[in-house]
Amino acid sequence: MDWDDDNKLLPAPLNAVGAPPGADRKDGRPGAGTLVLARMVWPSKVTIIPAIADWFSSDRTCIEWRQRPHSRARHTWLPKQDVRTALVYPKR
């Protein structure tokens, strides 16, 4: 089978977590397309990427993200502390 770059299975970031127990959409709340910044931990680097929050549970968030513009959307569950709506820098 021939796979192009958009259809290949990508490795999960090191900080990815599994879906919540039961992973029932009744056990969380929809993210309603909230724009977020997601912290992705890879073996050689940490990146902050723009993403869309699809679903929130008490301790994790499902995000939709893209490897690059116009590529296929990917979905990953991340710990709640790795998903933010803003980056805040201390005032100097």
PDB file of N, CA and C in Angstrom:
ATOM      1  N   MET A   1       0.842  -1.184   0.000  1.00  0.00           N
ATOM      2  CA  MET A   1       0.000   0.000   0.000  1.00  0.00           C
ATOM      3  C   MET A   1       0.882   1.240   0.000  1.00  0.00           C
ATOM      4  N   ASP A   2       0.555   2.171  -0.820  1.00  0.00           N
ATOM      5  CA  ASP A   2       1.306   3.413  -0.934  1.00  0.00           C
ATOM      6  C   ASP A   2       0.720   4.453   0.019  1.00  0.00           C
ATOM      7  N   TRP A   3       1.546   5.027   0.863  1.00  0.00           N
ATOM      8  CA  TRP A   3       1.085   6.057   1.799  1.00  0.00           C
ATOM      9  C   TRP A   3       1.759   7.367   1.445  1.00  0.00           C
ATOM     10  N   ASP A   4       0.973   8.418   1.357  1.00  0.00           N
ATOM     11  CA  ASP A   4       1.595   9.723   1.175  1.00  0.00           C
ATOM     12  C   ASP A   4       1.850  10.320   2.553  1.00  0.00           C
ATOM     13  N   ASP A   5       2.520  11.466   2.608  1.00  0.00           N
ATOM     14  CA  ASP A   5       2.881  12.066   3.889  1.00  0.00           C
ATOM     15  C   ASP A   5       1.675  12.391   4.762  1.00  0.00           C
ATOM     16  N   ASP A   6       0.552  12.742   4.151  1.00  0.00           N
ATOM     17  CA  ASP A   6      -0.620  13.111   4.940  1.00  0.00           C
ATOM     18  C   ASP A   6      -1.323  11.914   5.565  1.00  0.00           C
ATOM     19  N   ASN A   7      -1.122  10.725   5.049  1.00  0.00           N
ATOM     20  CA  ASN A   7      -1.818   9.553   5.557  1.00  0.00           C
ATOM     21  C   ASN A   7      -0.964   8.638   6.416  1.00  0.00           C
ATOM     22  N   LYS A   8       0.325   8.937   6.524  1.00  0.00           N
ATOM     23  CA  LYS A   8       1.171   8.045   7.313  1.00  0.00           C
ATOM     24  C   LYS A   8       0.883   8.221   8.807  1.00  0.00           C
ATOM     25  N   LEU A   9       1.097   7.157   9.532  1.00  0.00           N
ATOM     26  CA  LEU A   9       0.890   7.194  10.968  1.00  0.00           C
ATOM     27  C   LEU A   9       2.073   7.906  11.609  1.00  0.00           C
ATOM     28  N   LEU A  10       1.800   8.990  12.293  1.00  0.00           N
ATOM     29  CA  LEU A  10       2.865   9.752  12.942  1.00  0.00           C
ATOM     30  C   LEU A  10       3.064   9.248  14.362  1.00  0.00           C
ATOM     31  N   PRO A  11       4.282   9.318  14.871  1.00  0.00           N
ATOM     32  CA  PRO A  11       4.483   8.947  16.268  1.00  0.00           C
ATOM     33  C   PRO A  11       3.770   9.960  17.166  1.00  0.00           C
ATOM     34  N   ALA A  12       3.273   9.480  18.274  1.00  0.00           N
ATOM     35  CA  ALA A  12       2.599  10.373  19.222  1.00  0.00           C
ATOM     36  C   ALA A  12       3.639  11.169  19.994  1.00  0.00           C
ATOM     37  N   PRO A  13       3.308  12.398  20.386  1.00  0.00           N
ATOM     38  CA  PRO A  13       4.235  13.133  21.243  1.00  0.00           C
ATOM     39  C   PRO A  13       4.403  12.380  22.569  1.00  0.00           C
ATOM     40  N   LEU A  14       5.537  12.578  23.208  1.00  0.00           N
ATOM     41  CA  LEU A  14       5.831  11.856  24.452  1.00  0.00           C
ATOM     42  C   LEU A  14       4.869  12.205  25.588  1.00  0.00           C
ATOM     43  N   ASN A  15       4.246  13.387  25.521  1.00  0.00           N
ATOM     44  CA  ASN A  15       3.326  13.788  26.584  1.00  0.00           C
ATOM     45  C   ASN A  15       1.876  13.441  26.272  1.00  0.00           C
ATOM     46  N   ALA A  16       1.622  12.720  25.181  1.00  0.00           N
ATOM     47  CA  ALA A  16       0.251  12.306  24.853  1.00  0.00           C
ATOM     48  C   ALA A  16      -0.253  11.329  25.910  1.00  0.00           C
ATOM     49  N   VAL A  17      -1.534  11.413  26.194  1.00  0.00           N
ATOM     50  CA  VAL A  17      -2.179  10.499  27.138  1.00  0.00           C
ATOM     51  C   VAL A  17      -3.328   9.815  26.421  1.00  0.00           C
ATOM     52  N   GLY A  18      -3.799   8.740  26.988  1.00  0.00           N
ATOM     53  CA  GLY A  18      -4.928   8.039  26.391  1.00  0.00           C
ATOM     54  C   GLY A  18      -6.223   8.804  26.599  1.00  0.00           C
ATOM     55  N   ALA A  19      -7.221   8.393  25.862  1.00  0.00           N
ATOM     56  CA  ALA A  19      -8.544   8.992  26.053  1.00  0.00           C
ATOM     57  C   ALA A  19      -9.019   8.686  27.465  1.00  0.00           C
ATOM     58  N   PRO A  20      -9.881   9.515  28.030  1.00  0.00           N
ATOM     59  CA  PRO A  20     -10.361   9.261  29.392  1.00  0.00           C
ATOM     60  C   PRO A  20     -11.060   7.906  29.483  1.00  0.00           C
ATOM     61  N   PRO A  21     -11.089   7.312  30.667  1.00  0.00           N
ATOM     62  CA  PRO A  21     -11.774   6.019  30.827  1.00  0.00           C
ATOM     63  C   PRO A  21     -13.195   6.119  30.298  1.00  0.00           C
ATOM     64  N   GLY A  22     -13.552   5.182  29.459  1.00  0.00           N
ATOM     65  CA  GLY A  22     -14.880   5.201  28.866  1.00  0.00           C
ATOM     66  C   GLY A  22     -14.933   6.063  27.620  1.00  0.00           C
ATOM     67  N   ALA A  23     -14.174   7.134  27.579  1.00  0.00           N
ATOM     68  CA  ALA A  23     -14.105   8.066  26.447  1.00  0.00           C
ATOM     69  C   ALA A  23     -15.470   8.344  25.844  1.00  0.00           C
ATOM     70  N   ASP A  24     -16.452   8.445  26.689  1.00  0.00           N
ATOM     71  CA  ASP A  24     -17.810   8.727  26.235  1.00  0.00           C
ATOM     72  C   ASP A  24     -17.997  10.227  26.166  1.00  0.00           C
ATOM     73  N   ARG A  25     -18.517  10.709  25.068  1.00  0.00           N
ATOM     74  CA  ARG A  25     -18.690  12.146  24.896  1.00  0.00           C
ATOM     75  C   ARG A  25     -19.632  12.719  25.952  1.00  0.00           C
ATOM     76  N   LYS A  26     -20.382  11.876  26.655  1.00  0.00           N
ATOM     77  CA  LYS A  26     -21.247  12.361  27.735  1.00  0.00           C
ATOM     78  C   LYS A  26     -20.442  12.701  28.985  1.00  0.00           C
ATOM     79  N   ASP A  27     -19.192  12.195  29.072  1.00  0.00           N
ATOM     80  CA  ASP A  27     -18.373  12.369  30.268  1.00  0.00           C
ATOM     81  C   ASP A  27     -17.416  13.547  30.182  1.00  0.00           C
ATOM     82  N   GLY A  28     -17.676  14.472  29.325  1.00  0.00           N
ATOM     83  CA  GLY A  28     -16.819  15.646  29.184  1.00  0.00           C
ATOM     84  C   GLY A  28     -17.654  16.776  28.633  1.00  0.00           C
ATOM     85  N   ARG A  29     -16.980  17.753  28.098  1.00  0.00           N
ATOM     86  CA  ARG A  29     -17.725  18.829  27.445  1.00  0.00           C
ATOM     87  C   ARG A  29     -17.012  19.209  26.163  1.00  0.00           C
ATOM     88  N   PRO A  30     -17.777  19.548  25.137  1.00  0.00           N
ATOM     89  CA  PRO A  30     -17.140  19.878  23.873  1.00  0.00           C
ATOM     90  C   PRO A  30     -16.339  21.158  23.967  1.00  0.00           C
ATOM     91  N   GLY A  31     -15.271  21.220  23.209  1.00  0.00           N
ATOM     92  CA  GLY A  31     -14.429  22.412  23.188  1.00  0.00           C
ATOM     93  C   GLY A  31     -14.973  23.485  22.264  1.00  0.00           C
ATOM     94  N   ALA A  32     -15.945  23.108  21.440  1.00  0.00           N
ATOM     95  CA  ALA A  32     -16.602  24.035  20.534  1.00  0.00           C
ATOM     96  C   ALA A  32     -15.604  24.818  19.685  1.00  0.00           C
ATOM     97  N   GLY A  33     -14.507  24.169  19.307  1.00  0.00           N
ATOM     98  CA  GLY A  33     -13.554  24.811  18.422  1.00  0.00           C
ATOM     99  C   GLY A  33     -12.716  25.898  19.058  1.00  0.00           C
ATOM    100  N   THR A  34     -12.488  25.812  20.350  1.00  0.00           N
ATOM    101  CA  THR A  34     -11.680  26.804  21.044  1.00  0.00           C
ATOM    102  C   THR A  34     -10.243  26.772  20.529  1.00  0.00           C
ATOM    103  N   LEU A  35      -9.716  27.930  20.141  1.00  0.00           N
ATOM    104  CA  LEU A  35      -8.323  28.004  19.699  1.00  0.00           C
ATOM    105  C   LEU A  35      -7.410  27.938  20.919  1.00  0.00           C
ATOM    106  N   VAL A  36      -6.397  27.089  20.855  1.00  0.00           N
ATOM    107  CA  VAL A  36      -5.488  26.890  21.983  1.00  0.00           C
ATOM    108  C   VAL A  36      -4.048  26.786  21.486  1.00  0.00           C
ATOM    109  N   LEU A  37      -3.130  26.821  22.419  1.00  0.00           N
ATOM    110  CA  LEU A  37      -1.724  26.521  22.164  1.00  0.00           C
ATOM    111  C   LEU A  37      -1.412  25.229  22.905  1.00  0.00           C
ATOM    112  N   ALA A  38      -0.847  24.281  22.190  1.00  0.00           N
ATOM    113  CA  ALA A  38      -0.574  22.971  22.771  1.00  0.00           C
ATOM    114  C   ALA A  38       0.930  22.737  22.855  1.00  0.00           C
ATOM    115  N   ARG A  39       1.356  22.247  24.003  1.00  0.00           N
ATOM    116  CA  ARG A  39       2.766  21.910  24.222  1.00  0.00           C
ATOM    117  C   ARG A  39       2.957  20.452  23.833  1.00  0.00           C
ATOM    118  N   MET A  40       3.816  20.217  22.821  1.00  0.00           N
ATOM    119  CA  MET A  40       4.085  18.860  22.338  1.00  0.00           C
ATOM    120  C   MET A  40       5.540  18.518  22.666  1.00  0.00           C
ATOM    121  N   VAL A  41       5.743  17.422  23.357  1.00  0.00           N
ATOM    122  CA  VAL A  41       7.086  16.983  23.746  1.00  0.00           C
ATOM    123  C   VAL A  41       7.512  15.855  22.808  1.00  0.00           C
ATOM    124  N   TRP A  42       8.597  16.086  22.098  1.00  0.00           N
ATOM    125  CA  TRP A  42       9.148  15.112  21.164  1.00  0.00           C
ATOM    126  C   TRP A  42      10.497  14.641  21.707  1.00  0.00           C
ATOM    127  N   PRO A  43      11.058  13.559  21.182  1.00  0.00           N
ATOM    128  CA  PRO A  43      12.335  13.058  21.706  1.00  0.00           C
ATOM    129  C   PRO A  43      13.465  14.091  21.702  1.00  0.00           C
ATOM    130  N   SER A  44      13.487  14.985  20.705  1.00  0.00           N
ATOM    131  CA  SER A  44      14.606  15.923  20.613  1.00  0.00           C
ATOM    132  C   SER A  44      14.231  17.382  20.857  1.00  0.00           C
ATOM    133  N   LYS A  45      12.948  17.671  21.076  1.00  0.00           N
ATOM    134  CA  LYS A  45      12.544  19.070  21.253  1.00  0.00           C
ATOM    135  C   LYS A  45      11.155  19.164  21.873  1.00  0.00           C
ATOM    136  N   VAL A  46      10.817  20.375  22.276  1.00  0.00           N
ATOM    137  CA  VAL A  46       9.475  20.698  22.753  1.00  0.00           C
ATOM    138  C   VAL A  46       8.962  21.814  21.862  1.00  0.00           C
ATOM    139  N   THR A  47       7.750  21.659  21.333  1.00  0.00           N
ATOM    140  CA  THR A  47       7.181  22.692  20.487  1.00  0.00           C
ATOM    141  C   THR A  47       5.837  23.143  21.045  1.00  0.00           C
ATOM    142  N   ILE A  48       5.517  24.398  20.808  1.00  0.00           N
ATOM    143  CA  ILE A  48       4.207  24.950  21.135  1.00  0.00           C
ATOM    144  C   ILE A  48       3.527  25.190  19.796  1.00  0.00           C
ATOM    145  N   ILE A  49       2.385  24.557  19.574  1.00  0.00           N
ATOM    146  CA  ILE A  49       1.717  24.667  18.283  1.00  0.00           C
ATOM    147  C   ILE A  49       0.295  25.194  18.457  1.00  0.00           C
ATOM    148  N   PRO A  50      -0.227  25.865  17.432  1.00  0.00           N
ATOM    149  CA  PRO A  50      -1.635  26.249  17.484  1.00  0.00           C
ATOM    150  C   PRO A  50      -2.496  25.008  17.242  1.00  0.00           C
ATOM    151  N   ALA A  51      -3.622  24.934  17.922  1.00  0.00           N
ATOM    152  CA  ALA A  51      -4.509  23.777  17.787  1.00  0.00           C
ATOM    153  C   ALA A  51      -5.941  24.212  18.092  1.00  0.00           C
ATOM    154  N   ILE A  52      -6.850  23.275  17.926  1.00  0.00           N
ATOM    155  CA  ILE A  52      -8.248  23.495  18.260  1.00  0.00           C
ATOM    156  C   ILE A  52      -8.626  22.470  19.320  1.00  0.00           C
ATOM    157  N   ALA A  53      -9.191  22.933  20.418  1.00  0.00           N
ATOM    158  CA  ALA A  53      -9.646  22.017  21.471  1.00  0.00           C
ATOM    159  C   ALA A  53     -10.984  21.425  21.040  1.00  0.00           C
ATOM    160  N   ASP A  54     -11.030  20.101  20.925  1.00  0.00           N
ATOM    161  CA  ASP A  54     -12.256  19.411  20.525  1.00  0.00           C
ATOM    162  C   ASP A  54     -13.078  18.963  21.720  1.00  0.00           C
ATOM    163  N   TRP A  55     -12.391  18.517  22.775  1.00  0.00           N
ATOM    164  CA  TRP A  55     -13.107  17.941  23.911  1.00  0.00           C
ATOM    165  C   TRP A  55     -12.306  18.120  25.183  1.00  0.00           C
ATOM    166  N   PHE A  56     -12.968  18.463  26.271  1.00  0.00           N
ATOM    167  CA  PHE A  56     -12.334  18.621  27.578  1.00  0.00           C
ATOM    168  C   PHE A  56     -12.871  17.568  28.527  1.00  0.00           C
ATOM    169  N   SER A  57     -12.006  16.944  29.307  1.00  0.00           N
ATOM    170  CA  SER A  57     -12.444  16.133  30.442  1.00  0.00           C
ATOM    171  C   SER A  57     -11.811  16.780  31.669  1.00  0.00           C
ATOM    172  N   SER A  58     -11.952  16.170  32.809  1.00  0.00           N
ATOM    173  CA  SER A  58     -11.449  16.803  34.037  1.00  0.00           C
ATOM    174  C   SER A  58      -9.935  16.957  34.058  1.00  0.00           C
ATOM    175  N   ASP A  59      -9.195  16.052  33.404  1.00  0.00           N
ATOM    176  CA  ASP A  59      -7.734  16.110  33.487  1.00  0.00           C
ATOM    177  C   ASP A  59      -7.010  16.084  32.144  1.00  0.00           C
ATOM    178  N   ARG A  60      -7.739  16.067  31.029  1.00  0.00           N
ATOM    179  CA  ARG A  60      -7.097  16.032  29.712  1.00  0.00           C
ATOM    180  C   ARG A  60      -7.970  16.694  28.655  1.00  0.00           C
ATOM    181  N   THR A  61      -7.312  17.062  27.561  1.00  0.00           N
ATOM    182  CA  THR A  61      -7.988  17.757  26.470  1.00  0.00           C
ATOM    183  C   THR A  61      -7.647  17.079  25.148  1.00  0.00           C
ATOM    184  N   CYS A  62      -8.644  16.880  24.312  1.00  0.00           N
ATOM    185  CA  CYS A  62      -8.407  16.360  22.965  1.00  0.00           C
ATOM    186  C   CYS A  62      -8.236  17.558  22.044  1.00  0.00           C
ATOM    187  N   ILE A  63      -7.106  17.587  21.348  1.00  0.00           N
ATOM    188  CA  ILE A  63      -6.848  18.692  20.424  1.00  0.00           C
ATOM    189  C   ILE A  63      -6.807  18.187  18.988  1.00  0.00           C
ATOM    190  N   GLU A  64      -7.150  19.070  18.076  1.00  0.00           N
ATOM    191  CA  GLU A  64      -6.983  18.811  16.651  1.00  0.00           C
ATOM    192  C   GLU A  64      -5.836  19.686  16.187  1.00  0.00           C
ATOM    193  N   TRP A  65      -4.858  19.091  15.522  1.00  0.00           N
ATOM    194  CA  TRP A  65      -3.699  19.843  15.069  1.00  0.00           C
ATOM    195  C   TRP A  65      -3.242  19.318  13.722  1.00  0.00           C
ATOM    196  N   ARG A  66      -2.393  20.072  13.076  1.00  0.00           N
ATOM    197  CA  ARG A  66      -1.876  19.684  11.765  1.00  0.00           C
ATOM    198  C   ARG A  66      -0.354  19.703  11.792  1.00  0.00           C
ATOM    199  N   GLN A  67       0.243  18.740  11.118  1.00  0.00           N
ATOM    200  CA  GLN A  67       1.704  18.657  11.044  1.00  0.00           C
ATOM    201  C   GLN A  67       2.263  19.882  10.317  1.00  0.00           C
ATOM    202  N   ARG A  68       1.540  20.352   9.317  1.00  0.00           N
ATOM    203  CA  ARG A  68       1.897  21.573   8.588  1.00  0.00           C
ATOM    204  C   ARG A  68       0.604  22.116   7.975  1.00  0.00           C
ATOM    205  N   PRO A  69       0.595  23.368   7.544  1.00  0.00           N
ATOM    206  CA  PRO A  69      -0.634  23.933   6.965  1.00  0.00           C
ATOM    207  C   PRO A  69      -1.173  23.067   5.826  1.00  0.00           C
ATOM    208  N   HIS A  70      -2.452  22.889   5.784  1.00  0.00           N
ATOM    209  CA  HIS A  70      -3.173  22.156   4.739  1.00  0.00           C
ATOM    210  C   HIS A  70      -2.943  20.651   4.777  1.00  0.00           C
ATOM    211  N   SER A  71      -2.262  20.122   5.789  1.00  0.00           N
ATOM    212  CA  SER A  71      -2.139  18.671   5.897  1.00  0.00           C
ATOM    213  C   SER A  71      -3.375  18.143   6.640  1.00  0.00           C
ATOM    214  N   ARG A  72      -3.485  16.838   6.699  1.00  0.00           N
ATOM    215  CA  ARG A  72      -4.629  16.195   7.336  1.00  0.00           C
ATOM    216  C   ARG A  72      -4.648  16.506   8.831  1.00  0.00           C
ATOM    217  N   ALA A  73      -5.829  16.722   9.379  1.00  0.00           N
ATOM    218  CA  ALA A  73      -5.964  17.009  10.812  1.00  0.00           C
ATOM    219  C   ALA A  73      -5.651  15.751  11.627  1.00  0.00           C
ATOM    220  N   ARG A  74      -4.941  15.944  12.736  1.00  0.00           N
ATOM    221  CA  ARG A  74      -4.613  14.859  13.681  1.00  0.00           C
ATOM    222  C   ARG A  74      -5.315  15.167  14.998  1.00  0.00           C
ATOM    223  N   HIS A  75      -5.632  14.140  15.761  1.00  0.00           N
ATOM    224  CA  HIS A  75      -6.259  14.318  17.073  1.00  0.00           C
ATOM    225  C   HIS A  75      -5.395  13.647  18.123  1.00  0.00           C
ATOM    226  N   THR A  76      -5.130  14.365  19.203  1.00  0.00           N
ATOM    227  CA  THR A  76      -4.283  13.857  20.277  1.00  0.00           C
ATOM    228  C   THR A  76      -4.851  14.311  21.610  1.00  0.00           C
ATOM    229  N   TRP A  77      -4.865  13.411  22.586  1.00  0.00           N
ATOM    230  CA  TRP A  77      -5.240  13.771  23.958  1.00  0.00           C
ATOM    231  C   TRP A  77      -3.973  14.198  24.692  1.00  0.00           C
ATOM    232  N   LEU A  78      -4.024  15.355  25.335  1.00  0.00           N
ATOM    233  CA  LEU A  78      -2.899  15.878  26.113  1.00  0.00           C
ATOM    234  C   LEU A  78      -3.350  16.184  27.533  1.00  0.00           C
ATOM    235  N   PRO A  79      -2.405  16.142  28.497  1.00  0.00           N
ATOM    236  CA  PRO A  79      -2.761  16.551  29.857  1.00  0.00           C
ATOM    237  C   PRO A  79      -3.251  17.999  29.855  1.00  0.00           C
ATOM    238  N   LYS A  80      -4.157  18.292  30.748  1.00  0.00           N
ATOM    239  CA  LYS A  80      -4.750  19.628  30.833  1.00  0.00           C
ATOM    240  C   LYS A  80      -3.696  20.730  30.940  1.00  0.00           C
ATOM    241  N   GLN A  81      -2.605  20.483  31.671  1.00  0.00           N
ATOM    242  CA  GLN A  81      -1.586  21.518  31.874  1.00  0.00           C
ATOM    243  C   GLN A  81      -0.772  21.803  30.614  1.00  0.00           C
ATOM    244  N   ASP A  82      -0.882  20.980  29.577  1.00  0.00           N
ATOM    245  CA  ASP A  82      -0.142  21.208  28.338  1.00  0.00           C
ATOM    246  C   ASP A  82      -0.959  21.924  27.260  1.00  0.00           C
ATOM    247  N   VAL A  83      -2.153  22.369  27.620  1.00  0.00           N
ATOM    248  CA  VAL A  83      -3.027  23.071  26.669  1.00  0.00           C
ATOM    249  C   VAL A  83      -3.444  24.396  27.298  1.00  0.00           C
ATOM    250  N   ARG A  84      -3.176  25.493  26.598  1.00  0.00           N
ATOM    251  CA  ARG A  84      -3.467  26.841  27.116  1.00  0.00           C
ATOM    252  C   ARG A  84      -4.131  27.689  26.042  1.00  0.00           C
ATOM    253  N   THR A  85      -4.862  28.689  26.458  1.00  0.00           N
ATOM    254  CA  THR A  85      -5.459  29.618  25.498  1.00  0.00           C
ATOM    255  C   THR A  85      -4.521  30.781  25.203  1.00  0.00           C
ATOM    256  N   ALA A  86      -3.487  30.964  26.017  1.00  0.00           N
ATOM    257  CA  ALA A  86      -2.542  32.083  25.813  1.00  0.00           C
ATOM    258  C   ALA A  86      -1.196  31.752  26.437  1.00  0.00           C
ATOM    259  N   LEU A  87      -0.157  32.343  25.888  1.00  0.00           N
ATOM    260  CA  LEU A  87       1.163  32.309  26.516  1.00  0.00           C
ATOM    261  C   LEU A  87       1.319  33.606  27.284  1.00  0.00           C
ATOM    262  N   VAL A  88       1.642  33.505  28.534  1.00  0.00           N
ATOM    263  CA  VAL A  88       1.776  34.710  29.360  1.00  0.00           C
ATOM    264  C   VAL A  88       3.238  34.827  29.795  1.00  0.00           C
ATOM    265  N   TYR A  89       3.817  35.976  29.489  1.00  0.00           N
ATOM    266  CA  TYR A  89       5.205  36.236  29.863  1.00  0.00           C
ATOM    267  C   TYR A  89       5.227  37.195  31.043  1.00  0.00           C
ATOM    268  N   PRO A  90       6.150  37.017  31.979  1.00  0.00           N
ATOM    269  CA  PRO A  90       6.229  37.952  33.100  1.00  0.00           C
ATOM    270  C   PRO A  90       6.659  39.349  32.624  1.00  0.00           C
ATOM    271  N   LYS A  91       6.142  40.340  33.286  1.00  0.00           N
ATOM    272  CA  LYS A  91       6.493  41.727  32.949  1.00  0.00           C
ATOM    273  C   LYS A  91       7.886  41.997  33.458  1.00  0.00           C
ATOM    274  N   ARG A  92       8.709  42.637  32.643  1.00  0.00           N
ATOM    275  CA  ARG A  92      10.092  42.925  33.060  1.00  0.00           C
ATOM    276  C   ARG A  92      10.215  44.299  33.622  1.00  0.00           C
TER     277      ARG A  92
END
